[in-house]
C-alpha atoms as a PDB file:
ATOM      1  CA  MET A   1      48.020  -7.065 -67.538  1.00  0.00           C
ATOM      2  CA  CYS A   2      44.454  -7.552 -68.731  1.00  0.00           C
ATOM      3  CA  LYS A   3      45.023  -4.886 -71.391  1.00  0.00           C
ATOM      4  CA  ARG A   4      48.166  -6.600 -72.680  1.00  0.00           C
ATOM      5  CA  LEU A   5      46.301  -9.878 -73.006  1.00  0.00           C
ATOM      6  CA  SER A   6      43.429  -8.267 -74.873  1.00  0.00           C
ATOM      7  CA  VAL A   7      45.673  -6.634 -77.561  1.00  0.00           C
ATOM      8  CA  ASN A   8      48.187  -9.412 -78.131  1.00  0.00           C
ATOM      9  CA  PRO A   9      47.850 -10.323 -81.861  1.00  0.00           C
ATOM     10  CA  TRP A  10      49.314 -13.774 -81.369  1.00  0.00           C
ATOM     11  CA  VAL A  11      46.486 -14.822 -79.066  1.00  0.00           C
ATOM     12  CA  SER A  12      43.659 -13.305 -81.017  1.00  0.00           C
ATOM     13  CA  HIS A  13      41.997 -16.675 -81.260  1.00  0.00           C
ATOM     14  CA  ILE A  14      41.411 -16.679 -77.415  1.00  0.00           C
ATOM     15  CA  SER A  15      37.854 -15.802 -76.454  1.00  0.00           C
ATOM     16  CA  VAL A  16      36.851 -12.892 -74.226  1.00  0.00           C
ATOM     17  CA  GLU A  17      35.836 -15.239 -71.376  1.00  0.00           C
ATOM     18  CA  ASP A  18      39.291 -16.797 -71.336  1.00  0.00           C
ATOM     19  CA  LEU A  19      40.804 -13.348 -71.182  1.00  0.00           C
ATOM     20  CA  ARG A  20      38.646 -12.392 -68.214  1.00  0.00           C
ATOM     21  CA  LEU A  21      39.517 -15.630 -66.380  1.00  0.00           C
ATOM     22  CA  LYS A  22      43.232 -15.084 -66.926  1.00  0.00           C
ATOM     23  CA  CYS A  23      42.835 -11.480 -65.743  1.00  0.00           C
ATOM     24  CA  PHE A  24      41.096 -12.664 -62.512  1.00  0.00           C
ATOM     25  CA  GLU A  25      43.836 -15.238 -61.830  1.00  0.00           C
ATOM     26  CA  ALA A  26      46.503 -12.617 -62.317  1.00  0.00           C
ATOM     27  CA  LYS A  27      44.803 -10.202 -59.865  1.00  0.00           C
ATOM     28  CA  PHE A  28      44.260 -12.959 -57.251  1.00  0.00           C
ATOM     29  CA  LYS A  29      47.945 -14.008 -57.429  1.00  0.00           C
ATOM     30  CA  SER A  30      49.075 -10.413 -57.026  1.00  0.00           C
ATOM     31  CA  VAL A  31      46.867  -9.940 -53.905  1.00  0.00           C
ATOM     32  CA  ALA A  32      47.633 -13.350 -52.320  1.00  0.00           C
ATOM     33  CA  ALA A  33      51.313 -13.299 -53.215  1.00  0.00           C
ATOM     34  CA  PRO A  34      52.496 -12.270 -49.694  1.00  0.00           C
ATOM     35  CA  TYR A  35      50.588 -15.235 -48.179  1.00  0.00           C
ATOM     36  CA  LEU A  36      51.650 -17.856 -50.693  1.00  0.00           C
ATOM     37  CA  SER A  37      54.846 -19.817 -50.437  1.00  0.00           C
ATOM     38  CA  VAL A  38      56.434 -21.582 -53.313  1.00  0.00           C
ATOM     39  CA  ASN A  39      54.484 -24.770 -52.711  1.00  0.00           C
ATOM     40  CA  LYS A  40      51.151 -23.165 -51.617  1.00  0.00           C
ATOM     41  CA  GLY A  41      48.151 -22.778 -53.756  1.00  0.00           C
ATOM     42  CA  VAL A  42      44.586 -21.522 -53.238  1.00  0.00           C
ATOM     43  CA  SER A  43      43.736 -24.413 -50.899  1.00  0.00           C
ATOM     44  CA  GLY A  44      46.647 -23.467 -48.626  1.00  0.00           C
ATOM     45  CA  VAL A  45      45.359 -19.912 -48.332  1.00  0.00           C
ATOM     46  CA  ILE A  46      41.905 -21.150 -47.381  1.00  0.00           C
ATOM     47  CA  LEU A  47      43.390 -23.368 -44.658  1.00  0.00           C
ATOM     48  CA  ASP A  48      45.376 -20.436 -43.288  1.00  0.00           C
ATOM     49  CA  LEU A  49      42.294 -18.232 -43.139  1.00  0.00           C
ATOM     50  CA  LEU A  50      40.367 -21.024 -41.430  1.00  0.00           C
ATOM     51  CA  GLY A  51      43.136 -21.355 -38.836  1.00  0.00           C
ATOM     52  CA  TYR A  52      43.053 -17.616 -38.155  1.00  0.00           C
ATOM     53  CA  PHE A  53      39.297 -17.762 -37.706  1.00  0.00           C
ATOM     54  CA  ILE A  54      39.546 -20.621 -35.199  1.00  0.00           C
ATOM     55  CA  LEU A  55      42.282 -18.770 -33.306  1.00  0.00           C
ATOM     56  CA  ILE A  56      40.077 -15.672 -33.023  1.00  0.00           C
ATOM     57  CA  ILE A  57      37.193 -17.802 -31.711  1.00  0.00           C
ATOM     58  CA  ILE A  58      39.456 -19.334 -29.045  1.00  0.00           C
ATOM     59  CA  VAL A  59      40.734 -15.930 -27.961  1.00  0.00           C
ATOM     60  CA  LEU A  60      37.197 -14.576 -27.654  1.00  0.00           C
ATOM     61  CA  TRP A  61      36.127 -17.610 -25.599  1.00  0.00           C
ATOM     62  CA  ILE A  62      39.079 -17.187 -23.253  1.00  0.00           C
ATOM     63  CA  LEU A  63      38.253 -13.508 -22.750  1.00  0.00           C
ATOM     64  CA  SER A  64      34.569 -14.208 -22.097  1.00  0.00           C
ATOM     65  CA  ALA A  65      35.457 -16.954 -19.590  1.00  0.00           C
ATOM     66  CA  SER A  66      38.046 -14.867 -17.750  1.00  0.00           C
ATOM     67  CA  ILE A  67      36.141 -11.568 -17.431  1.00  0.00           C
ATOM     68  CA  LYS A  68      33.502 -11.542 -14.665  1.00  0.00           C
ATOM     69  CA  VAL A  69      31.225  -8.761 -13.441  1.00  0.00           C
ATOM     70  CA  VAL A  70      29.243  -8.799 -10.183  1.00  0.00           C
ATOM     71  CA  ARG A  71      26.748  -6.201  -8.980  1.00  0.00           C
ATOM     72  CA  GLU A  72      27.073  -3.975  -5.930  1.00  0.00           C
ATOM     73  CA  TYR A  73      24.991  -6.353  -3.772  1.00  0.00           C
ATOM     74  CA  GLU A  74      26.869  -9.496  -4.912  1.00  0.00           C
ATOM     75  CA  ARG A  75      30.242 -11.095  -4.281  1.00  0.00           C
ATOM     76  CA  GLY A  76      32.144 -13.744  -6.225  1.00  0.00           C
ATOM     77  CA  VAL A  77      33.873 -16.549  -4.313  1.00  0.00           C
ATOM     78  CA  VAL A  78      36.764 -17.911  -6.434  1.00  0.00           C
ATOM     79  CA  PHE A  79      38.488 -21.305  -6.193  1.00  0.00           C
ATOM     80  CA  ARG A  80      41.702 -22.013  -8.121  1.00  0.00           C
ATOM     81  CA  LEU A  81      42.401 -25.686  -8.670  1.00  0.00           C
ATOM     82  CA  GLY A  82      40.150 -26.449  -5.717  1.00  0.00           C
ATOM     83  CA  ARG A  83      41.737 -23.957  -3.293  1.00  0.00           C
ATOM     84  CA  PHE A  84      39.953 -20.851  -2.021  1.00  0.00           C
ATOM     85  CA  ILE A  85      41.720 -17.680  -3.132  1.00  0.00           C
ATOM     86  CA  GLY A  86      39.249 -15.003  -2.001  1.00  0.00           C
ATOM     87  CA  ALA A  87      35.977 -13.177  -2.534  1.00  0.00           C
ATOM     88  CA  LYS A  88      35.906 -10.774  -5.466  1.00  0.00           C
ATOM     89  CA  GLY A  89      33.717  -7.818  -6.287  1.00  0.00           C
ATOM     90  CA  PRO A  90      31.793  -5.705  -6.729  1.00  0.00           C
ATOM     91  CA  GLY A  91      32.614  -4.676 -10.283  1.00  0.00           C
ATOM     92  CA  LEU A  92      34.937  -6.194 -12.885  1.00  0.00           C
ATOM     93  CA  PHE A  93      37.584  -8.824 -12.153  1.00  0.00           C
ATOM     94  CA  PHE A  94      39.444 -11.610 -13.990  1.00  0.00           C
ATOM     95  CA  ILE A  95      39.750 -15.334 -13.399  1.00  0.00           C
ATOM     96  CA  VAL A  96      41.825 -18.054 -15.054  1.00  0.00           C
ATOM     97  CA  PRO A  97      39.620 -20.159 -17.357  1.00  0.00           C
ATOM     98  CA  ILE A  98      39.378 -23.889 -16.577  1.00  0.00           C
ATOM     99  CA  ALA A  99      41.605 -23.505 -13.487  1.00  0.00           C
ATOM    100  CA  ASP A 100      39.261 -21.169 -11.568  1.00  0.00           C
ATOM    101  CA  ARG A 101      35.718 -21.845 -10.354  1.00  0.00           C
ATOM    102  CA  PHE A 102      33.404 -18.911  -9.622  1.00  0.00           C
ATOM    103  CA  ILE A 103      30.396 -18.908  -7.197  1.00  0.00           C
ATOM    104  CA  LYS A 104      28.131 -15.847  -6.944  1.00  0.00           C
ATOM    105  CA  ILE A 105      26.627 -14.957  -3.515  1.00  0.00           C
ATOM    106  CA  ASP A 106      23.796 -12.450  -2.966  1.00  0.00           C
ATOM    107  CA  LEU A 107      24.251 -10.140   0.059  1.00  0.00           C
ATOM    108  CA  ARG A 108      20.704  -8.745   0.160  1.00  0.00           C
ATOM    109  CA  ILE A 109      18.179  -9.644   2.876  1.00  0.00           C
ATOM    110  CA  VAL A 110      16.310 -12.847   2.065  1.00  0.00           C
ATOM    111  CA  ALA A 111      12.847 -13.628   3.482  1.00  0.00           C
ATOM    112  CA  PHE A 112      11.308 -17.087   3.540  1.00  0.00           C
ATOM    113  CA  ASP A 113       8.210 -18.604   5.143  1.00  0.00           C
ATOM    114  CA  ILE A 114       8.526 -21.394   7.660  1.00  0.00           C
ATOM    115  CA  SER A 115       6.016 -24.017   6.633  1.00  0.00           C
ATOM    116  CA  LYS A 116       3.170 -24.607   9.099  1.00  0.00           C
ATOM    117  CA  GLN A 117       4.593 -26.394  12.144  1.00  0.00           C
ATOM    118  CA  ARG A 118       2.621 -28.555  14.589  1.00  0.00           C
ATOM    119  CA  VAL A 119       3.682 -27.475  18.082  1.00  0.00           C
ATOM    120  CA  VAL A 120       2.655 -28.970  21.442  1.00  0.00           C
ATOM    121  CA  THR A 121       2.791 -26.261  24.112  1.00  0.00           C
ATOM    122  CA  LYS A 122       3.855 -26.713  27.723  1.00  0.00           C
ATOM    123  CA  ASP A 123       0.220 -27.225  28.821  1.00  0.00           C
ATOM    124  CA  ASN A 124      -0.244 -30.006  26.192  1.00  0.00           C
ATOM    125  CA  VAL A 125      -2.200 -28.008  23.603  1.00  0.00           C
ATOM    126  CA  SER A 126      -1.563 -28.714  19.899  1.00  0.00           C
ATOM    127  CA  VAL A 127      -1.369 -25.644  17.669  1.00  0.00           C
ATOM    128  CA  ASP A 128      -0.218 -24.881  14.116  1.00  0.00           C
ATOM    129  CA  VAL A 129       2.241 -21.990  13.855  1.00  0.00           C
ATOM    130  CA  ASP A 130       3.273 -19.992  10.763  1.00  0.00           C
ATOM    131  CA  ALA A 131       6.365 -17.770  10.866  1.00  0.00           C
ATOM    132  CA  ALA A 132       8.731 -15.810   8.610  1.00  0.00           C
ATOM    133  CA  VAL A 133      12.502 -15.441   8.866  1.00  0.00           C
ATOM    134  CA  TYR A 134      14.594 -12.553   7.495  1.00  0.00           C
ATOM    135  CA  TYR A 135      18.368 -13.005   7.086  1.00  0.00           C
ATOM    136  CA  ARG A 136      21.331 -11.913   4.973  1.00  0.00           C
ATOM    137  CA  VAL A 137      24.866 -13.133   4.177  1.00  0.00           C
ATOM    138  CA  PHE A 138      27.560 -10.948   5.733  1.00  0.00           C
ATOM    139  CA  ASP A 139      30.557 -13.211   4.935  1.00  0.00           C
ATOM    140  CA  PRO A 140      30.410 -14.872   1.472  1.00  0.00           C
ATOM    141  CA  ALA A 141      33.482 -17.003   2.150  1.00  0.00           C
ATOM    142  CA  LYS A 142      31.942 -18.651   5.244  1.00  0.00           C
ATOM    143  CA  ALA A 143      28.610 -19.124   3.459  1.00  0.00           C
ATOM    144  CA  VAL A 144      30.414 -21.277   0.876  1.00  0.00           C
ATOM    145  CA  LEU A 145      33.161 -22.931   2.936  1.00  0.00           C
ATOM    146  CA  GLN A 146      31.357 -23.699   6.224  1.00  0.00           C
ATOM    147  CA  VAL A 147      28.006 -25.048   4.987  1.00  0.00           C
ATOM    148  CA  GLU A 148      26.968 -26.906   1.860  1.00  0.00           C
ATOM    149  CA  ASN A 149      23.721 -25.005   1.274  1.00  0.00           C
ATOM    150  CA  TYR A 150      23.184 -22.088   3.641  1.00  0.00           C
ATOM    151  CA  LEU A 151      19.644 -21.470   2.364  1.00  0.00           C
ATOM    152  CA  GLN A 152      18.409 -24.961   3.168  1.00  0.00           C
ATOM    153  CA  ALA A 153      20.383 -25.142   6.418  1.00  0.00           C
ATOM    154  CA  THR A 154      18.916 -21.879   7.713  1.00  0.00           C
ATOM    155  CA  ASN A 155      15.389 -22.962   6.780  1.00  0.00           C
ATOM    156  CA  LEU A 156      15.643 -26.324   8.569  1.00  0.00           C
ATOM    157  CA  LEU A 157      17.275 -24.766  11.617  1.00  0.00           C
ATOM    158  CA  ALA A 158      14.477 -22.170  11.832  1.00  0.00           C
ATOM    159  CA  GLN A 159      11.815 -24.901  11.816  1.00  0.00           C
ATOM    160  CA  THR A 160      13.528 -26.849  14.608  1.00  0.00           C
ATOM    161  CA  THR A 161      14.157 -23.779  16.749  1.00  0.00           C
ATOM    162  CA  LEU A 162      10.555 -22.640  16.354  1.00  0.00           C
ATOM    163  CA  ARG A 163       9.215 -25.971  17.656  1.00  0.00           C
ATOM    164  CA  ASP A 164      11.722 -26.100  20.522  1.00  0.00           C
ATOM    165  CA  VAL A 165      11.056 -22.580  21.818  1.00  0.00           C
ATOM    166  CA  LEU A 166       7.268 -22.626  21.498  1.00  0.00           C
ATOM    167  CA  GLY A 167       7.095 -26.072  23.095  1.00  0.00           C
ATOM    168  CA  GLN A 168       8.464 -24.566  26.326  1.00  0.00           C
ATOM    169  CA  VAL A 169       5.687 -21.990  26.811  1.00  0.00           C
ATOM    170  CA  GLU A 170       2.002 -22.241  27.633  1.00  0.00           C
ATOM    171  CA  LEU A 171      -0.773 -21.406  25.212  1.00  0.00           C
ATOM    172  CA  ASP A 172      -1.636 -18.129  26.943  1.00  0.00           C
ATOM    173  CA  ASP A 173       1.966 -16.926  26.633  1.00  0.00           C
ATOM    174  CA  LEU A 174       2.074 -18.007  22.990  1.00  0.00           C
ATOM    175  CA  LEU A 175      -1.000 -15.913  22.216  1.00  0.00           C
ATOM    176  CA  THR A 176      -0.047 -12.832  24.241  1.00  0.00           C
ATOM    177  CA  LYS A 177       3.762 -12.706  23.994  1.00  0.00           C
ATOM    178  CA  ARG A 178       4.427 -13.211  20.275  1.00  0.00           C
ATOM    179  CA  GLU A 179       6.912 -10.365  20.031  1.00  0.00           C
ATOM    180  CA  GLU A 180       9.042 -11.644  22.916  1.00  0.00           C
ATOM    181  CA  LEU A 181       9.023 -15.198  21.551  1.00  0.00           C
ATOM    182  CA  SER A 182       9.936 -13.998  18.047  1.00  0.00           C
ATOM    183  CA  LYS A 183      12.880 -12.061  19.449  1.00  0.00           C
ATOM    184  CA  LYS A 184      14.056 -15.092  21.431  1.00  0.00           C
ATOM    185  CA  ILE A 185      13.872 -17.357  18.353  1.00  0.00           C
ATOM    186  CA  GLY A 186      15.817 -14.792  16.302  1.00  0.00           C
ATOM    187  CA  GLU A 187      18.593 -14.587  18.904  1.00  0.00           C
ATOM    188  CA  ILE A 188      18.976 -18.388  19.003  1.00  0.00           C
ATOM    189  CA  LEU A 189      19.070 -18.620  15.197  1.00  0.00           C
ATOM    190  CA  ASP A 190      21.652 -15.848  14.987  1.00  0.00           C
ATOM    191  CA  ILE A 191      23.967 -17.712  17.379  1.00  0.00           C
ATOM    192  CA  TYR A 192      23.824 -20.901  15.289  1.00  0.00           C
ATOM    193  CA  THR A 193      24.112 -19.210  11.854  1.00  0.00           C
ATOM    194  CA  ASP A 194      26.945 -16.821  12.734  1.00  0.00           C
ATOM    195  CA  PRO A 195      29.683 -19.419  11.900  1.00  0.00           C
ATOM    196  CA  TRP A 196      28.019 -19.807   8.491  1.00  0.00           C
ATOM    197  CA  GLY A 197      28.398 -16.114   7.680  1.00  0.00           C
ATOM    198  CA  VAL A 198      24.619 -15.601   7.940  1.00  0.00           C
ATOM    199  CA  LYS A 199      22.962 -12.863  10.039  1.00  0.00           C
ATOM    200  CA  VAL A 200      19.332 -13.427  11.101  1.00  0.00           C
ATOM    201  CA  THR A 201      17.797  -9.960  11.289  1.00  0.00           C
ATOM    202  CA  ALA A 202      14.231 -10.805  12.370  1.00  0.00           C
ATOM    203  CA  VAL A 203      11.733 -13.583  13.021  1.00  0.00           C
ATOM    204  CA  ALA A 204       7.977 -12.953  12.926  1.00  0.00           C
ATOM    205  CA  ILE A 205       5.245 -15.328  14.155  1.00  0.00           C
ATOM    206  CA  LYS A 206       2.446 -14.692  11.658  1.00  0.00           C
ATOM    207  CA  ASP A 207      -0.405 -16.947  12.750  1.00  0.00           C
ATOM    208  CA  VAL A 208      -1.367 -19.437  15.465  1.00  0.00           C
ATOM    209  CA  SER A 209      -4.121 -21.891  14.454  1.00  0.00           C
ATOM    210  CA  ILE A 210      -6.143 -23.611  17.215  1.00  0.00           C
ATOM    211  CA  ASP A 211      -8.718 -26.405  16.954  1.00  0.00           C
ATOM    212  CA  GLU A 212     -12.427 -25.570  17.279  1.00  0.00           C
ATOM    213  CA  THR A 213     -12.730 -27.535  20.535  1.00  0.00           C
ATOM    214  CA  MET A 214      -9.937 -25.532  22.090  1.00  0.00           C
ATOM    215  CA  LEU A 215     -11.454 -22.295  20.830  1.00  0.00           C
ATOM    216  CA  ARG A 216     -14.716 -23.106  22.637  1.00  0.00           C
ATOM    217  CA  ALA A 217     -12.784 -23.931  25.806  1.00  0.00           C
ATOM    218  CA  ILE A 218     -10.912 -20.627  25.552  1.00  0.00           C
ATOM    219  CA  ALA A 219     -14.225 -18.793  25.090  1.00  0.00           C
ATOM    220  CA  LYS A 220     -15.646 -20.451  28.241  1.00  0.00           C
ATOM    221  CA  GLN A 221     -12.507 -19.553  30.139  1.00  0.00           C
ATOM    222  CA  ALA A 222     -12.761 -15.935  29.025  1.00  0.00           C
ATOM    223  CA  GLU A 223     -16.433 -15.828  30.008  1.00  0.00           C
ATOM    224  CA  ALA A 224     -15.655 -17.232  33.464  1.00  0.00           C
ATOM    225  CA  GLU A 225     -12.852 -14.710  33.846  1.00  0.00           C
ATOM    226  CA  ARG A 226     -15.190 -11.833  33.002  1.00  0.00           C
ATOM    227  CA  GLU A 227     -17.801 -13.145  35.481  1.00  0.00           C
ATOM    228  CA  ARG A 228     -15.141 -13.410  38.186  1.00  0.00           C
ATOM    229  CA  ARG A 229     -14.084  -9.818  37.581  1.00  0.00           C
ATOM    230  CA  ALA A 230     -17.708  -8.659  37.680  1.00  0.00           C
ATOM    231  CA  ARG A 231     -18.294 -10.363  41.026  1.00  0.00           C
ATOM    232  CA  ILE A 232     -15.120  -8.878  42.432  1.00  0.00           C
ATOM    233  CA  ILE A 233     -16.229  -5.420  41.330  1.00  0.00           C
ATOM    234  CA  VAL A 234     -19.669  -5.896  42.950  1.00  0.00           C
ATOM    235  CA  ALA A 235     -18.083  -7.148  46.168  1.00  0.00           C
ATOM    236  CA  GLU A 236     -15.698  -4.215  46.243  1.00  0.00           C
ATOM    237  CA  GLY A 237     -18.667  -1.863  45.788  1.00  0.00           C
ATOM    238  CA  GLU A 238     -20.558  -3.480  48.639  1.00  0.00           C
ATOM    239  CA  TYR A 239     -17.474  -3.312  50.822  1.00  0.00           C
ATOM    240  CA  LEU A 240     -17.042   0.396  50.172  1.00  0.00           C
ATOM    241  CA  ALA A 241     -20.766   0.990  50.752  1.00  0.00           C
ATOM    242  CA  ALA A 242     -20.628  -0.882  54.061  1.00  0.00           C
ATOM    243  CA  GLU A 243     -17.697   1.256  55.178  1.00  0.00           C
ATOM    244  CA  LYS A 244     -19.604   4.420  54.349  1.00  0.00           C
ATOM    245  CA  ILE A 245     -22.771   3.168  56.089  1.00  0.00           C
ATOM    246  CA  ALA A 246     -20.783   2.268  59.187  1.00  0.00           C
ATOM    247  CA  ALA A 247     -19.204   5.717  59.193  1.00  0.00           C
ATOM    248  CA  ALA A 248     -22.665   7.300  58.800  1.00  0.00           C
ATOM    249  CA  ALA A 249     -24.102   5.171  61.619  1.00  0.00           C
ATOM    250  CA  GLU A 250     -21.544   6.615  63.997  1.00  0.00           C
ATOM    251  CA  LYS A 251     -23.052  10.049  63.325  1.00  0.00           C
ATOM    252  CA  TYR A 252     -26.566   8.869  64.304  1.00  0.00           C
ATOM    253  CA  THR A 253     -25.713   8.391  67.993  1.00  0.00           C
ATOM    254  CA  THR A 254     -28.312  10.937  69.226  1.00  0.00           C
ATOM    255  CA  PRO A 255     -32.094  10.281  69.031  1.00  0.00           C
ATOM    256  CA  GLY A 256     -32.672  13.574  67.230  1.00  0.00           C
ATOM    257  CA  ALA A 257     -30.308  12.721  64.399  1.00  0.00           C
ATOM    258  CA  LEU A 258     -31.819   9.303  64.067  1.00  0.00           C
ATOM    259  CA  ARG A 259     -35.289  10.824  63.930  1.00  0.00           C
ATOM    260  CA  LEU A 260     -34.265  13.255  61.203  1.00  0.00           C
ATOM    261  CA  ARG A 261     -32.922  10.367  59.153  1.00  0.00           C
ATOM    262  CA  GLU A 262     -36.206   8.554  59.588  1.00  0.00           C
ATOM    263  CA  LEU A 263     -38.163  11.570  58.430  1.00  0.00           C
ATOM    264  CA  GLN A 264     -35.905  11.966  55.385  1.00  0.00           C
ATOM    265  CA  THR A 265     -36.539   8.339  54.502  1.00  0.00           C
ATOM    266  CA  LEU A 266     -40.307   8.872  54.802  1.00  0.00           C
ATOM    267  CA  THR A 267     -40.001  11.882  52.488  1.00  0.00           C
ATOM    268  CA  GLU A 268     -38.210   9.825  49.873  1.00  0.00           C
ATOM    269  CA  ILE A 269     -40.881   7.120  50.115  1.00  0.00           C
ATOM    270  CA  ALA A 270     -43.633   9.701  49.703  1.00  0.00           C
ATOM    271  CA  ARG A 271     -42.133  10.832  46.404  1.00  0.00           C
ATOM    272  CA  GLU A 272     -42.918   7.415  45.006  1.00  0.00           C
ATOM    273  CA  LYS A 273     -46.662   8.098  45.610  1.00  0.00           C
ATOM    274  CA  ASN A 274     -47.211   5.014  47.754  1.00  0.00           C
ATOM    275  CA  MET A 275     -50.698   4.720  49.270  1.00  0.00           C
ATOM    276  CA  VAL A 276     -49.699   2.969  52.525  1.00  0.00           C
ATOM    277  CA  VAL A 277     -46.537   3.464  54.525  1.00  0.00           C
ATOM    278  CA  VAL A 278     -45.831   1.287  57.548  1.00  0.00           C
ATOM    279  CA  THR A 279     -43.642   3.033  60.150  1.00  0.00           C
ATOM    280  CA  SER A 280     -42.666   2.513  63.744  1.00  0.00           C
ATOM    281  CA  THR A 281     -43.695   6.061  64.720  1.00  0.00           C
ATOM    282  CA  THR A 282     -46.494   6.148  67.368  1.00  0.00           C
ATOM    283  CA  ALA A 283     -49.364   8.589  67.648  1.00  0.00           C
ATOM    284  CA  GLU A 284     -47.637  10.371  70.479  1.00  0.00           C
ATOM    285  CA  ASP A 285     -44.601  10.916  68.333  1.00  0.00           C
ATOM    286  CA  ILE A 286     -46.747  12.206  65.501  1.00  0.00           C
ATOM    287  CA  GLY A 287     -48.368  14.733  67.886  1.00  0.00           C
ATOM    288  CA  LYS A 288     -44.964  15.961  68.967  1.00  0.00           C
ATOM    289  CA  ILE A 289     -43.886  16.325  65.418  1.00  0.00           C
ATOM    290  CA  ALA A 290     -47.073  18.247  64.536  1.00  0.00           C
ATOM    291  CA  SER A 291     -46.528  20.556  67.520  1.00  0.00           C
ATOM    292  CA  MET A 292     -42.968  21.233  66.457  1.00  0.00           C
ATOM    293  CA  VAL A 293     -44.095  22.014  62.919  1.00  0.00           C
ATOM    294  CA  LYS A 294     -46.834  24.371  64.190  1.00  0.00           C
ATOM    295  CA  ALA A 295     -44.419  26.145  66.516  1.00  0.00           C
ATOM    296  CA  LEU A 296     -42.048  26.668  63.669  1.00  0.00           C
ATOM    297  CA  GLN A 297     -44.782  28.093  61.495  1.00  0.00           C
ATOM    298  CA  GLU A 298     -45.918  30.536  64.244  1.00  0.00           C
ATOM    299  CA  GLY A 299     -42.389  31.619  64.847  1.00  0.00           C
ATOM    300  CA  LYS A 300     -42.118  32.572  61.209  1.00  0.00           C
END
């Protein structure tokens, strides 16, 4: 068509620019002809294209709102028009946009610190206790339907249970039986959190802080305890020694045995190089002893 316009002798007075414009209009009408009605022009085509574009945007938004993906350690709790319809996942699933509400729940073990709690023990001693709680969600539906915020509820319940349990024991038990007390606290928490779909796996008492005055009192108590044990050990030693001495005294029933023991004692004293030894032995006894020694030497 552009060639026919350029060689028409009757329109030779038309400029080249007019020819090009007419050629462009002819090409545009040929391309847009299927989309144009009798009463539509260029503005109608633009409106149609704009409508198609908006439709595509709406379709993409609906797809993005309806397609959900949760990881292996997550579950999606879905409500449709306010009613619970189930827990979805893991993987890909679809929901109805606007009508469905989606809540994601993590099933991994969660650890949180119990803030320092002031506890008064059974023997009226004030201590500060730090602890840690480890738990996980085993039923996502209960964690959403039975409690408003299972994280906050578990934390507050752990604080209360910690104070209640430790307030029933004495300070000595608190310091020496941490593992047993931690296990007891964990069992109580697990009973209360089970209807919420939460499983408490462990509770650990990390630190017990005591005032300086009480520390000095505990040190004095420990020192007195060690002194008591030392005295008991000394008394037991003296008791055993007395039994042995009494048994040995029964063997010294004859004068000869008693004399030999006396001589052995004098020998032990002489080893110490003492200058003067006071003994109950008389001169007559010494003469007898000297005679016995001489007789023994002659016999040899």
